[in-house]
PDB file of all heavy atoms in Angstrom:
ATOM      1  N   GLU A   1     123.593 189.023  43.548  1.00  0.00           N
ATOM      2  CA  GLU A   1     124.435 190.144  43.088  1.00  0.00           C
ATOM      3  C   GLU A   1     125.859 190.055  43.650  1.00  0.00           C
ATOM      4  O   GLU A   1     126.850 190.282  42.933  1.00  0.00           O
ATOM      5  CB  GLU A   1     123.810 191.466  43.587  1.00  0.00           C
ATOM      6  CG  GLU A   1     122.467 191.708  42.868  1.00  0.00           C
ATOM      7  CD  GLU A   1     121.778 192.999  43.344  1.00  0.00           C
ATOM      8  OE1 GLU A   1     122.369 193.694  44.184  1.00  0.00           O
ATOM      9  OE2 GLU A   1     120.670 193.283  42.899  1.00  0.00           O
ATOM     10  N   ALA A   2     125.981 189.583  44.901  1.00  0.00           N
ATOM     11  CA  ALA A   2     127.337 189.395  45.460  1.00  0.00           C
ATOM     12  C   ALA A   2     128.082 188.265  44.711  1.00  0.00           C
ATOM     13  O   ALA A   2     129.283 188.313  44.485  1.00  0.00           O
ATOM     14  CB  ALA A   2     127.285 189.015  46.959  1.00  0.00           C
ATOM     15  N   ASN A   3     127.362 187.222  44.277  1.00  0.00           N
ATOM     16  CA  ASN A   3     127.941 186.135  43.464  1.00  0.00           C
ATOM     17  C   ASN A   3     128.458 186.652  42.109  1.00  0.00           C
ATOM     18  O   ASN A   3     129.517 186.346  41.630  1.00  0.00           O
ATOM     19  CB  ASN A   3     126.937 185.034  43.262  1.00  0.00           C
ATOM     20  CG  ASN A   3     126.955 184.000  44.362  1.00  0.00           C
ATOM     21  OD1 ASN A   3     127.972 183.866  45.087  1.00  0.00           O
ATOM     22  ND2 ASN A   3     125.894 183.330  44.593  1.00  0.00           N
ATOM     23  N   PHE A   4     127.578 187.509  41.525  1.00  0.00           N
ATOM     24  CA  PHE A   4     127.951 188.079  40.152  1.00  0.00           C
ATOM     25  C   PHE A   4     129.182 188.972  40.281  1.00  0.00           C
ATOM     26  O   PHE A   4     130.178 188.816  39.483  1.00  0.00           O
ATOM     27  CB  PHE A   4     126.759 188.860  39.579  1.00  0.00           C
ATOM     28  CG  PHE A   4     127.104 189.588  38.342  1.00  0.00           C
ATOM     29  CD1 PHE A   4     127.213 188.892  37.144  1.00  0.00           C
ATOM     30  CD2 PHE A   4     127.294 190.927  38.344  1.00  0.00           C
ATOM     31  CE1 PHE A   4     127.485 189.589  35.940  1.00  0.00           C
ATOM     32  CE2 PHE A   4     127.657 191.621  37.146  1.00  0.00           C
ATOM     33  CZ  PHE A   4     127.715 190.953  35.961  1.00  0.00           C
ATOM     34  N   ILE A   5     129.200 189.852  41.236  1.00  0.00           N
ATOM     35  CA  ILE A   5     130.323 190.779  41.422  1.00  0.00           C
ATOM     36  C   ILE A   5     131.603 190.052  41.808  1.00  0.00           C
ATOM     37  O   ILE A   5     132.673 190.281  41.312  1.00  0.00           O
ATOM     38  CB  ILE A   5     129.956 191.880  42.430  1.00  0.00           C
ATOM     39  CG1 ILE A   5     128.868 192.767  41.886  1.00  0.00           C
ATOM     40  CG2 ILE A   5     131.181 192.746  42.796  1.00  0.00           C
ATOM     41  CD1 ILE A   5     128.236 193.700  42.944  1.00  0.00           C
ATOM     42  N   GLY A   6     131.421 189.014  42.746  1.00  0.00           N
ATOM     43  CA  GLY A   6     132.600 188.221  43.116  1.00  0.00           C
ATOM     44  C   GLY A   6     133.172 187.494  41.940  1.00  0.00           C
ATOM     45  O   GLY A   6     134.381 187.340  41.744  1.00  0.00           O
ATOM     46  N   CYS A   7     132.301 186.934  41.088  1.00  0.00           N
ATOM     47  CA  CYS A   7     132.664 186.238  39.854  1.00  0.00           C
ATOM     48  C   CYS A   7     133.443 187.210  38.935  1.00  0.00           C
ATOM     49  O   CYS A   7     134.539 186.876  38.413  1.00  0.00           O
ATOM     50  CB  CYS A   7     131.560 185.657  39.134  1.00  0.00           C
ATOM     51  SG  CYS A   7     131.810 184.796  37.615  1.00  0.00           S
ATOM     52  N   MET A   8     132.914 188.402  38.742  1.00  0.00           N
ATOM     53  CA  MET A   8     133.536 189.379  37.880  1.00  0.00           C
ATOM     54  C   MET A   8     134.884 189.894  38.424  1.00  0.00           C
ATOM     55  O   MET A   8     135.866 190.040  37.712  1.00  0.00           O
ATOM     56  CB  MET A   8     132.611 190.630  37.758  1.00  0.00           C
ATOM     57  CG  MET A   8     131.327 190.326  36.973  1.00  0.00           C
ATOM     58  SD  MET A   8     131.658 190.009  35.248  1.00  0.00           S
ATOM     59  CE  MET A   8     132.211 191.648  34.690  1.00  0.00           C
ATOM     60  N   ALA A   9     135.044 189.969  39.718  1.00  0.00           N
ATOM     61  CA  ALA A   9     136.252 190.405  40.344  1.00  0.00           C
ATOM     62  C   ALA A   9     137.332 189.313  40.111  1.00  0.00           C
ATOM     63  O   ALA A   9     138.519 189.627  39.789  1.00  0.00           O
ATOM     64  CB  ALA A   9     136.120 190.596  41.878  1.00  0.00           C
ATOM     65  N   ALA A  10     136.965 188.064  40.253  1.00  0.00           N
ATOM     66  CA  ALA A  10     137.956 186.973  40.016  1.00  0.00           C
ATOM     67  C   ALA A  10     138.286 186.907  38.484  1.00  0.00           C
ATOM     68  O   ALA A  10     139.462 186.718  38.175  1.00  0.00           O
ATOM     69  CB  ALA A  10     137.339 185.653  40.469  1.00  0.00           C
ATOM     70  N   ILE A  11     137.303 187.034  37.620  1.00  0.00           N
ATOM     71  CA  ILE A  11     137.564 187.020  36.231  1.00  0.00           C
ATOM     72  C   ILE A  11     138.538 188.118  35.777  1.00  0.00           C
ATOM     73  O   ILE A  11     139.313 187.935  34.828  1.00  0.00           O
ATOM     74  CB  ILE A  11     136.226 187.121  35.473  1.00  0.00           C
ATOM     75  CG1 ILE A  11     135.460 185.750  35.504  1.00  0.00           C
ATOM     76  CG2 ILE A  11     136.417 187.567  33.980  1.00  0.00           C
ATOM     77  CD1 ILE A  11     134.039 185.841  34.974  1.00  0.00           C
ATOM     78  N   ASN A  12     138.408 189.289  36.361  1.00  0.00           N
ATOM     79  CA  ASN A  12     139.239 190.427  35.994  1.00  0.00           C
ATOM     80  C   ASN A  12     140.625 190.464  36.743  1.00  0.00           C
ATOM     81  O   ASN A  12     141.300 191.444  36.553  1.00  0.00           O
ATOM     82  CB  ASN A  12     138.443 191.676  36.213  1.00  0.00           C
ATOM     83  CG  ASN A  12     137.401 191.952  35.154  1.00  0.00           C
ATOM     84  OD1 ASN A  12     137.737 192.572  34.162  1.00  0.00           O
ATOM     85  ND2 ASN A  12     136.200 191.496  35.329  1.00  0.00           N
ATOM     86  N   HIS A  13     140.868 189.453  37.506  1.00  0.00           N
ATOM     87  CA  HIS A  13     142.177 189.425  38.240  1.00  0.00           C
ATOM     88  C   HIS A  13     143.299 189.198  37.235  1.00  0.00           C
ATOM     89  O   HIS A  13     143.141 188.585  36.211  1.00  0.00           O
ATOM     90  CB  HIS A  13     142.196 188.286  39.269  1.00  0.00           C
ATOM     91  CG  HIS A  13     143.102 188.545  40.412  1.00  0.00           C
ATOM     92  ND1 HIS A  13     144.464 188.374  40.307  1.00  0.00           N
ATOM     93  CD2 HIS A  13     142.884 188.973  41.668  1.00  0.00           C
ATOM     94  CE1 HIS A  13     145.035 188.598  41.421  1.00  0.00           C
ATOM     95  NE2 HIS A  13     144.112 188.935  42.314  1.00  0.00           N
ATOM     96  N   SER A  14     144.443 189.755  37.566  1.00  0.00           N
ATOM     97  CA  SER A  14     145.629 189.561  36.677  1.00  0.00           C
ATOM     98  C   SER A  14     146.320 188.248  36.755  1.00  0.00           C
ATOM     99  O   SER A  14     147.032 187.777  35.850  1.00  0.00           O
ATOM    100  CB  SER A  14     146.714 190.668  36.991  1.00  0.00           C
ATOM    101  OG  SER A  14     147.002 190.582  38.375  1.00  0.00           O
ATOM    102  N   ASP A  15     145.929 187.486  37.822  1.00  0.00           N
ATOM    103  CA  ASP A  15     146.518 186.145  38.050  1.00  0.00           C
ATOM    104  C   ASP A  15     145.670 185.047  37.372  1.00  0.00           C
ATOM    105  O   ASP A  15     144.438 185.019  37.498  1.00  0.00           O
ATOM    106  CB  ASP A  15     146.661 185.809  39.494  1.00  0.00           C
ATOM    107  CG  ASP A  15     147.305 184.474  39.800  1.00  0.00           C
ATOM    108  OD1 ASP A  15     148.531 184.413  39.842  1.00  0.00           O
ATOM    109  OD2 ASP A  15     146.617 183.474  39.920  1.00  0.00           O
ATOM    110  N   VAL A  16     146.293 184.183  36.593  1.00  0.00           N
ATOM    111  CA  VAL A  16     145.543 183.174  35.833  1.00  0.00           C
ATOM    112  C   VAL A  16     144.777 182.186  36.691  1.00  0.00           C
ATOM    113  O   VAL A  16     143.649 181.763  36.393  1.00  0.00           O
ATOM    114  CB  VAL A  16     146.543 182.405  34.906  1.00  0.00           C
ATOM    115  CG1 VAL A  16     147.539 181.604  35.686  1.00  0.00           C
ATOM    116  CG2 VAL A  16     145.732 181.495  33.924  1.00  0.00           C
ATOM    117  N   HIS A  17     145.318 181.934  37.901  1.00  0.00           N
ATOM    118  CA  HIS A  17     144.659 181.026  38.815  1.00  0.00           C
ATOM    119  C   HIS A  17     143.313 181.608  39.286  1.00  0.00           C
ATOM    120  O   HIS A  17     142.302 180.972  39.462  1.00  0.00           O
ATOM    121  CB  HIS A  17     145.563 180.575  39.977  1.00  0.00           C
ATOM    122  CG  HIS A  17     146.708 179.830  39.589  1.00  0.00           C
ATOM    123  ND1 HIS A  17     147.868 180.448  39.175  1.00  0.00           N
ATOM    124  CD2 HIS A  17     146.903 178.451  39.493  1.00  0.00           C
ATOM    125  CE1 HIS A  17     148.774 179.497  38.910  1.00  0.00           C
ATOM    126  NE2 HIS A  17     148.273 178.301  39.034  1.00  0.00           N
ATOM    127  N   PHE A  18     143.311 182.885  39.610  1.00  0.00           N
ATOM    128  CA  PHE A  18     142.153 183.636  40.068  1.00  0.00           C
ATOM    129  C   PHE A  18     141.166 183.653  38.952  1.00  0.00           C
ATOM    130  O   PHE A  18     139.898 183.456  39.184  1.00  0.00           O
ATOM    131  CB  PHE A  18     142.510 185.024  40.501  1.00  0.00           C
ATOM    132  CG  PHE A  18     142.972 185.084  41.952  1.00  0.00           C
ATOM    133  CD1 PHE A  18     144.219 184.617  42.327  1.00  0.00           C
ATOM    134  CD2 PHE A  18     142.166 185.677  42.953  1.00  0.00           C
ATOM    135  CE1 PHE A  18     144.667 184.668  43.581  1.00  0.00           C
ATOM    136  CE2 PHE A  18     142.679 185.751  44.257  1.00  0.00           C
ATOM    137  CZ  PHE A  18     143.889 185.305  44.590  1.00  0.00           C
ATOM    138  N   ARG A  19     141.619 183.951  37.712  1.00  0.00           N
ATOM    139  CA  ARG A  19     140.686 183.938  36.556  1.00  0.00           C
ATOM    140  C   ARG A  19     140.023 182.623  36.369  1.00  0.00           C
ATOM    141  O   ARG A  19     138.852 182.506  36.038  1.00  0.00           O
ATOM    142  CB  ARG A  19     141.394 184.368  35.283  1.00  0.00           C
ATOM    143  CG  ARG A  19     141.883 185.862  35.334  1.00  0.00           C
ATOM    144  CD  ARG A  19     142.133 186.414  33.968  1.00  0.00           C
ATOM    145  NE  ARG A  19     143.103 185.648  33.244  1.00  0.00           N
ATOM    146  CZ  ARG A  19     144.443 185.789  33.329  1.00  0.00           C
ATOM    147  NH1 ARG A  19     144.930 186.744  34.210  1.00  0.00           N
ATOM    148  NH2 ARG A  19     145.241 185.093  32.636  1.00  0.00           N
ATOM    149  N   TYR A  20     140.796 181.542  36.539  1.00  0.00           N
ATOM    150  CA  TYR A  20     140.236 180.213  36.458  1.00  0.00           C
ATOM    151  C   TYR A  20     139.165 179.951  37.459  1.00  0.00           C
ATOM    152  O   TYR A  20     138.093 179.463  37.094  1.00  0.00           O
ATOM    153  CB  TYR A  20     141.394 179.189  36.651  1.00  0.00           C
ATOM    154  CG  TYR A  20     140.921 177.755  36.726  1.00  0.00           C
ATOM    155  CD1 TYR A  20     140.475 177.018  35.600  1.00  0.00           C
ATOM    156  CD2 TYR A  20     140.802 177.135  37.994  1.00  0.00           C
ATOM    157  CE1 TYR A  20     140.038 175.704  35.711  1.00  0.00           C
ATOM    158  CE2 TYR A  20     140.362 175.805  38.089  1.00  0.00           C
ATOM    159  CZ  TYR A  20     139.968 175.177  36.968  1.00  0.00           C
ATOM    160  OH  TYR A  20     139.483 173.829  37.088  1.00  0.00           O
ATOM    161  N   THR A  21     139.386 180.312  38.693  1.00  0.00           N
ATOM    162  CA  THR A  21     138.383 180.123  39.731  1.00  0.00           C
ATOM    163  C   THR A  21     137.110 180.947  39.399  1.00  0.00           C
ATOM    164  O   THR A  21     135.972 180.488  39.660  1.00  0.00           O
ATOM    165  CB  THR A  21     138.816 180.447  41.133  1.00  0.00           C
ATOM    166  OG1 THR A  21     139.143 181.881  41.178  1.00  0.00           O
ATOM    167  CG2 THR A  21     140.081 179.631  41.494  1.00  0.00           C
ATOM    168  N   GLY A  22     137.278 182.138  38.784  1.00  0.00           N
ATOM    169  CA  GLY A  22     136.131 183.010  38.509  1.00  0.00           C
ATOM    170  C   GLY A  22     135.275 182.391  37.357  1.00  0.00           C
ATOM    171  O   GLY A  22     134.096 182.359  37.477  1.00  0.00           O
ATOM    172  N   TYR A  23     135.992 181.993  36.262  1.00  0.00           N
ATOM    173  CA  TYR A  23     135.189 181.425  35.141  1.00  0.00           C
ATOM    174  C   TYR A  23     134.588 180.118  35.499  1.00  0.00           C
ATOM    175  O   TYR A  23     133.380 179.843  35.154  1.00  0.00           O
ATOM    176  CB  TYR A  23     136.126 181.211  33.901  1.00  0.00           C
ATOM    177  CG  TYR A  23     136.366 182.520  33.132  1.00  0.00           C
ATOM    178  CD1 TYR A  23     137.601 183.147  33.249  1.00  0.00           C
ATOM    179  CD2 TYR A  23     135.396 183.098  32.403  1.00  0.00           C
ATOM    180  CE1 TYR A  23     137.878 184.350  32.521  1.00  0.00           C
ATOM    181  CE2 TYR A  23     135.572 184.289  31.723  1.00  0.00           C
ATOM    182  CZ  TYR A  23     136.836 184.873  31.804  1.00  0.00           C
ATOM    183  OH  TYR A  23     137.066 186.072  31.172  1.00  0.00           O
ATOM    184  N   THR A  24     135.213 179.259  36.242  1.00  0.00           N
ATOM    185  CA  THR A  24     134.588 177.940  36.619  1.00  0.00           C
ATOM    186  C   THR A  24     133.480 178.146  37.682  1.00  0.00           C
ATOM    187  O   THR A  24     132.569 177.310  37.757  1.00  0.00           O
ATOM    188  CB  THR A  24     135.667 176.972  37.122  1.00  0.00           C
ATOM    189  OG1 THR A  24     136.466 177.593  38.208  1.00  0.00           O
ATOM    190  CG2 THR A  24     136.594 176.537  36.052  1.00  0.00           C
ATOM    191  N   PHE A  25     133.607 179.230  38.466  1.00  0.00           N
ATOM    192  CA  PHE A  25     132.540 179.552  39.339  1.00  0.00           C
ATOM    193  C   PHE A  25     131.278 179.918  38.636  1.00  0.00           C
ATOM    194  O   PHE A  25     130.233 179.387  38.930  1.00  0.00           O
ATOM    195  CB  PHE A  25     133.024 180.738  40.228  1.00  0.00           C
ATOM    196  CG  PHE A  25     132.037 181.277  41.269  1.00  0.00           C
ATOM    197  CD1 PHE A  25     131.678 180.497  42.330  1.00  0.00           C
ATOM    198  CD2 PHE A  25     131.476 182.491  41.132  1.00  0.00           C
ATOM    199  CE1 PHE A  25     130.808 180.918  43.296  1.00  0.00           C
ATOM    200  CE2 PHE A  25     130.604 183.005  42.089  1.00  0.00           C
ATOM    201  CZ  PHE A  25     130.243 182.269  43.166  1.00  0.00           C
ATOM    202  N   GLY A  26     131.399 180.745  37.607  1.00  0.00           N
ATOM    203  CA  GLY A  26     130.246 181.141  36.787  1.00  0.00           C
ATOM    204  C   GLY A  26     129.671 179.918  35.983  1.00  0.00           C
ATOM    205  O   GLY A  26     128.543 179.730  35.894  1.00  0.00           O
ATOM    206  N   LEU A  27     130.649 179.093  35.512  1.00  0.00           N
ATOM    207  CA  LEU A  27     130.234 177.950  34.709  1.00  0.00           C
ATOM    208  C   LEU A  27     129.376 176.944  35.608  1.00  0.00           C
ATOM    209  O   LEU A  27     128.431 176.411  35.089  1.00  0.00           O
ATOM    210  CB  LEU A  27     131.550 177.261  34.155  1.00  0.00           C
ATOM    211  CG  LEU A  27     131.244 175.883  33.535  1.00  0.00           C
ATOM    212  CD1 LEU A  27     130.347 176.052  32.298  1.00  0.00           C
ATOM    213  CD2 LEU A  27     132.584 175.252  33.134  1.00  0.00           C
ATOM    214  N   ARG A  28     129.787 176.790  36.799  1.00  0.00           N
ATOM    215  CA  ARG A  28     129.054 175.831  37.708  1.00  0.00           C
ATOM    216  C   ARG A  28     127.567 176.290  37.856  1.00  0.00           C
ATOM    217  O   ARG A  28     126.678 175.453  37.830  1.00  0.00           O
ATOM    218  CB  ARG A  28     129.746 175.750  39.053  1.00  0.00           C
ATOM    219  CG  ARG A  28     129.049 174.805  40.023  1.00  0.00           C
ATOM    220  CD  ARG A  28     129.834 174.576  41.229  1.00  0.00           C
ATOM    221  NE  ARG A  28     130.020 175.804  41.966  1.00  0.00           N
ATOM    222  CZ  ARG A  28     129.208 176.312  42.858  1.00  0.00           C
ATOM    223  NH1 ARG A  28     128.089 175.711  43.077  1.00  0.00           N
ATOM    224  NH2 ARG A  28     129.441 177.418  43.473  1.00  0.00           N
ATOM    225  N   PHE A  29     127.386 177.574  38.001  1.00  0.00           N
ATOM    226  CA  PHE A  29     125.998 178.057  38.199  1.00  0.00           C
ATOM    227  C   PHE A  29     125.248 177.821  36.918  1.00  0.00           C
ATOM    228  O   PHE A  29     124.047 177.443  36.936  1.00  0.00           O
ATOM    229  CB  PHE A  29     125.982 179.584  38.503  1.00  0.00           C
ATOM    230  CG  PHE A  29     126.244 179.848  40.008  1.00  0.00           C
ATOM    231  CD1 PHE A  29     127.413 180.470  40.424  1.00  0.00           C
ATOM    232  CD2 PHE A  29     125.288 179.478  40.941  1.00  0.00           C
ATOM    233  CE1 PHE A  29     127.646 180.697  41.741  1.00  0.00           C
ATOM    234  CE2 PHE A  29     125.519 179.816  42.292  1.00  0.00           C
ATOM    235  CZ  PHE A  29     126.679 180.368  42.746  1.00  0.00           C
ATOM    236  N   CYS A  30     125.859 178.052  35.750  1.00  0.00           N
ATOM    237  CA  CYS A  30     125.173 177.954  34.465  1.00  0.00           C
ATOM    238  C   CYS A  30     124.845 176.444  34.245  1.00  0.00           C
ATOM    239  O   CYS A  30     123.712 176.138  33.784  1.00  0.00           O
ATOM    240  CB  CYS A  30     126.037 178.433  33.371  1.00  0.00           C
ATOM    241  SG  CYS A  30     126.246 180.239  33.297  1.00  0.00           S
ATOM    242  N   LEU A  31     125.785 175.555  34.522  1.00  0.00           N
ATOM    243  CA  LEU A  31     125.513 174.155  34.324  1.00  0.00           C
ATOM    244  C   LEU A  31     124.419 173.646  35.233  1.00  0.00           C
ATOM    245  O   LEU A  31     123.569 172.867  34.848  1.00  0.00           O
ATOM    246  CB  LEU A  31     126.839 173.376  34.540  1.00  0.00           C
ATOM    247  CG  LEU A  31     127.944 173.434  33.534  1.00  0.00           C
ATOM    248  CD1 LEU A  31     129.227 172.726  33.980  1.00  0.00           C
ATOM    249  CD2 LEU A  31     127.391 172.823  32.231  1.00  0.00           C
ATOM    250  N   ASN A  32     124.401 174.151  36.475  1.00  0.00           N
ATOM    251  CA  ASN A  32     123.295 173.763  37.380  1.00  0.00           C
ATOM    252  C   ASN A  32     121.929 174.139  36.910  1.00  0.00           C
ATOM    253  O   ASN A  32     121.004 173.429  36.989  1.00  0.00           O
ATOM    254  CB  ASN A  32     123.558 174.320  38.797  1.00  0.00           C
ATOM    255  CG  ASN A  32     124.710 173.646  39.518  1.00  0.00           C
ATOM    256  OD1 ASN A  32     125.139 172.565  39.147  1.00  0.00           O
ATOM    257  ND2 ASN A  32     125.233 174.289  40.612  1.00  0.00           N
ATOM    258  N   GLU A  33     121.895 175.373  36.309  1.00  0.00           N
ATOM    259  CA  GLU A  33     120.610 175.791  35.820  1.00  0.00           C
ATOM    260  C   GLU A  33     120.244 175.045  34.523  1.00  0.00           C
ATOM    261  O   GLU A  33     119.058 174.758  34.342  1.00  0.00           O
ATOM    262  CB  GLU A  33     120.702 177.347  35.529  1.00  0.00           C
ATOM    263  CG  GLU A  33     119.418 177.934  35.041  1.00  0.00           C
ATOM    264  CD  GLU A  33     118.188 177.858  36.031  1.00  0.00           C
ATOM    265  OE1 GLU A  33     118.467 177.620  37.244  1.00  0.00           O
ATOM    266  OE2 GLU A  33     117.087 177.920  35.614  1.00  0.00           O
ATOM    267  N   ILE A  34     121.222 174.761  33.694  1.00  0.00           N
ATOM    268  CA  ILE A  34     120.926 173.879  32.526  1.00  0.00           C
ATOM    269  C   ILE A  34     120.339 172.574  32.908  1.00  0.00           C
ATOM    270  O   ILE A  34     119.399 172.097  32.357  1.00  0.00           O
ATOM    271  CB  ILE A  34     122.226 173.692  31.708  1.00  0.00           C
ATOM    272  CG1 ILE A  34     122.605 174.971  30.953  1.00  0.00           C
ATOM    273  CG2 ILE A  34     122.061 172.528  30.676  1.00  0.00           C
ATOM    274  CD1 ILE A  34     121.882 175.284  29.676  1.00  0.00           C
ATOM    275  N   TYR A  35     120.952 171.966  33.935  1.00  0.00           N
ATOM    276  CA  TYR A  35     120.458 170.654  34.436  1.00  0.00           C
ATOM    277  C   TYR A  35     119.047 170.753  34.917  1.00  0.00           C
ATOM    278  O   TYR A  35     118.288 169.842  34.660  1.00  0.00           O
ATOM    279  CB  TYR A  35     121.403 170.177  35.538  1.00  0.00           C
ATOM    280  CG  TYR A  35     121.003 168.750  36.068  1.00  0.00           C
ATOM    281  CD1 TYR A  35     121.334 167.598  35.403  1.00  0.00           C
ATOM    282  CD2 TYR A  35     120.303 168.719  37.248  1.00  0.00           C
ATOM    283  CE1 TYR A  35     120.941 166.349  35.889  1.00  0.00           C
ATOM    284  CE2 TYR A  35     119.885 167.463  37.814  1.00  0.00           C
ATOM    285  CZ  TYR A  35     120.199 166.297  37.076  1.00  0.00           C
ATOM    286  OH  TYR A  35     119.803 165.061  37.553  1.00  0.00           O
ATOM    287  N   ARG A  36     118.736 171.843  35.604  1.00  0.00           N
ATOM    288  CA  ARG A  36     117.374 172.045  36.184  1.00  0.00           C
ATOM    289  C   ARG A  36     116.383 172.150  35.049  1.00  0.00           C
ATOM    290  O   ARG A  36     115.243 171.634  35.124  1.00  0.00           O
ATOM    291  CB  ARG A  36     117.285 173.271  37.026  1.00  0.00           C
ATOM    292  CG  ARG A  36     116.037 173.391  37.846  1.00  0.00           C
ATOM    293  CD  ARG A  36     116.075 174.667  38.594  1.00  0.00           C
ATOM    294  NE  ARG A  36     115.866 175.834  37.757  1.00  0.00           N
ATOM    295  CZ  ARG A  36     114.689 176.284  37.270  1.00  0.00           C
ATOM    296  NH1 ARG A  36     113.595 175.623  37.572  1.00  0.00           N
ATOM    297  NH2 ARG A  36     114.642 177.329  36.479  1.00  0.00           N
ATOM    298  N   ARG A  37     116.785 172.814  33.927  1.00  0.00           N
ATOM    299  CA  ARG A  37     115.845 173.069  32.843  1.00  0.00           C
ATOM    300  C   ARG A  37     115.791 171.913  31.813  1.00  0.00           C
ATOM    301  O   ARG A  37     114.712 171.594  31.303  1.00  0.00           O
ATOM    302  CB  ARG A  37     116.245 174.347  32.081  1.00  0.00           C
ATOM    303  CG  ARG A  37     116.092 175.599  32.913  1.00  0.00           C
ATOM    304  CD  ARG A  37     116.368 176.831  32.094  1.00  0.00           C
ATOM    305  NE  ARG A  37     116.096 178.085  32.850  1.00  0.00           N
ATOM    306  CZ  ARG A  37     115.851 179.209  32.283  1.00  0.00           C
ATOM    307  NH1 ARG A  37     115.772 179.351  30.913  1.00  0.00           N
ATOM    308  NH2 ARG A  37     115.589 180.347  32.972  1.00  0.00           N
ATOM    309  N   ASP A  38     116.946 171.345  31.491  1.00  0.00           N
ATOM    310  CA  ASP A  38     117.061 170.386  30.402  1.00  0.00           C
ATOM    311  C   ASP A  38     118.167 169.377  30.610  1.00  0.00           C
ATOM    312  O   ASP A  38     119.323 169.621  30.240  1.00  0.00           O
ATOM    313  CB  ASP A  38     117.243 171.104  29.096  1.00  0.00           C
ATOM    314  CG  ASP A  38     117.114 170.177  27.877  1.00  0.00           C
ATOM    315  OD1 ASP A  38     117.247 168.989  27.993  1.00  0.00           O
ATOM    316  OD2 ASP A  38     116.872 170.712  26.774  1.00  0.00           O
ATOM    317  N   PRO A  39     117.922 168.300  31.390  1.00  0.00           N
ATOM    318  CA  PRO A  39     118.991 167.361  31.715  1.00  0.00           C
ATOM    319  C   PRO A  39     119.700 166.780  30.517  1.00  0.00           C
ATOM    320  O   PRO A  39     120.930 166.496  30.578  1.00  0.00           O
ATOM    321  CB  PRO A  39     118.231 166.256  32.501  1.00  0.00           C
ATOM    322  CG  PRO A  39     117.033 166.908  33.036  1.00  0.00           C
ATOM    323  CD  PRO A  39     116.586 167.925  31.990  1.00  0.00           C
ATOM    324  N   CYS A  40     119.025 166.592  29.388  1.00  0.00           N
ATOM    325  CA  CYS A  40     119.695 166.048  28.195  1.00  0.00           C
ATOM    326  C   CYS A  40     120.712 167.117  27.621  1.00  0.00           C
ATOM    327  O   CYS A  40     121.831 166.708  27.246  1.00  0.00           O
ATOM    328  CB  CYS A  40     118.688 165.725  27.113  1.00  0.00           C
ATOM    329  SG  CYS A  40     117.608 164.342  27.578  1.00  0.00           S
ATOM    330  N   LEU A  41     120.311 168.364  27.583  1.00  0.00           N
ATOM    331  CA  LEU A  41     121.211 169.380  27.131  1.00  0.00           C
ATOM    332  C   LEU A  41     122.372 169.487  28.089  1.00  0.00           C
ATOM    333  O   LEU A  41     123.562 169.696  27.653  1.00  0.00           O
ATOM    334  CB  LEU A  41     120.455 170.734  27.022  1.00  0.00           C
ATOM    335  CG  LEU A  41     121.314 171.951  26.635  1.00  0.00           C
ATOM    336  CD1 LEU A  41     121.953 171.795  25.321  1.00  0.00           C
ATOM    337  CD2 LEU A  41     120.408 173.220  26.752  1.00  0.00           C
TER     338      LEU A  41
END
């Protein structure tokens, strides 16, 4: 939950660099889970 809220706080920041860290933070978790479930995907 802290990861989700932290990600959302960065995504909603007015600074583009903060938003970048937020979206890539969420993306990394999603990619890791994709790899665990389906390495080809």
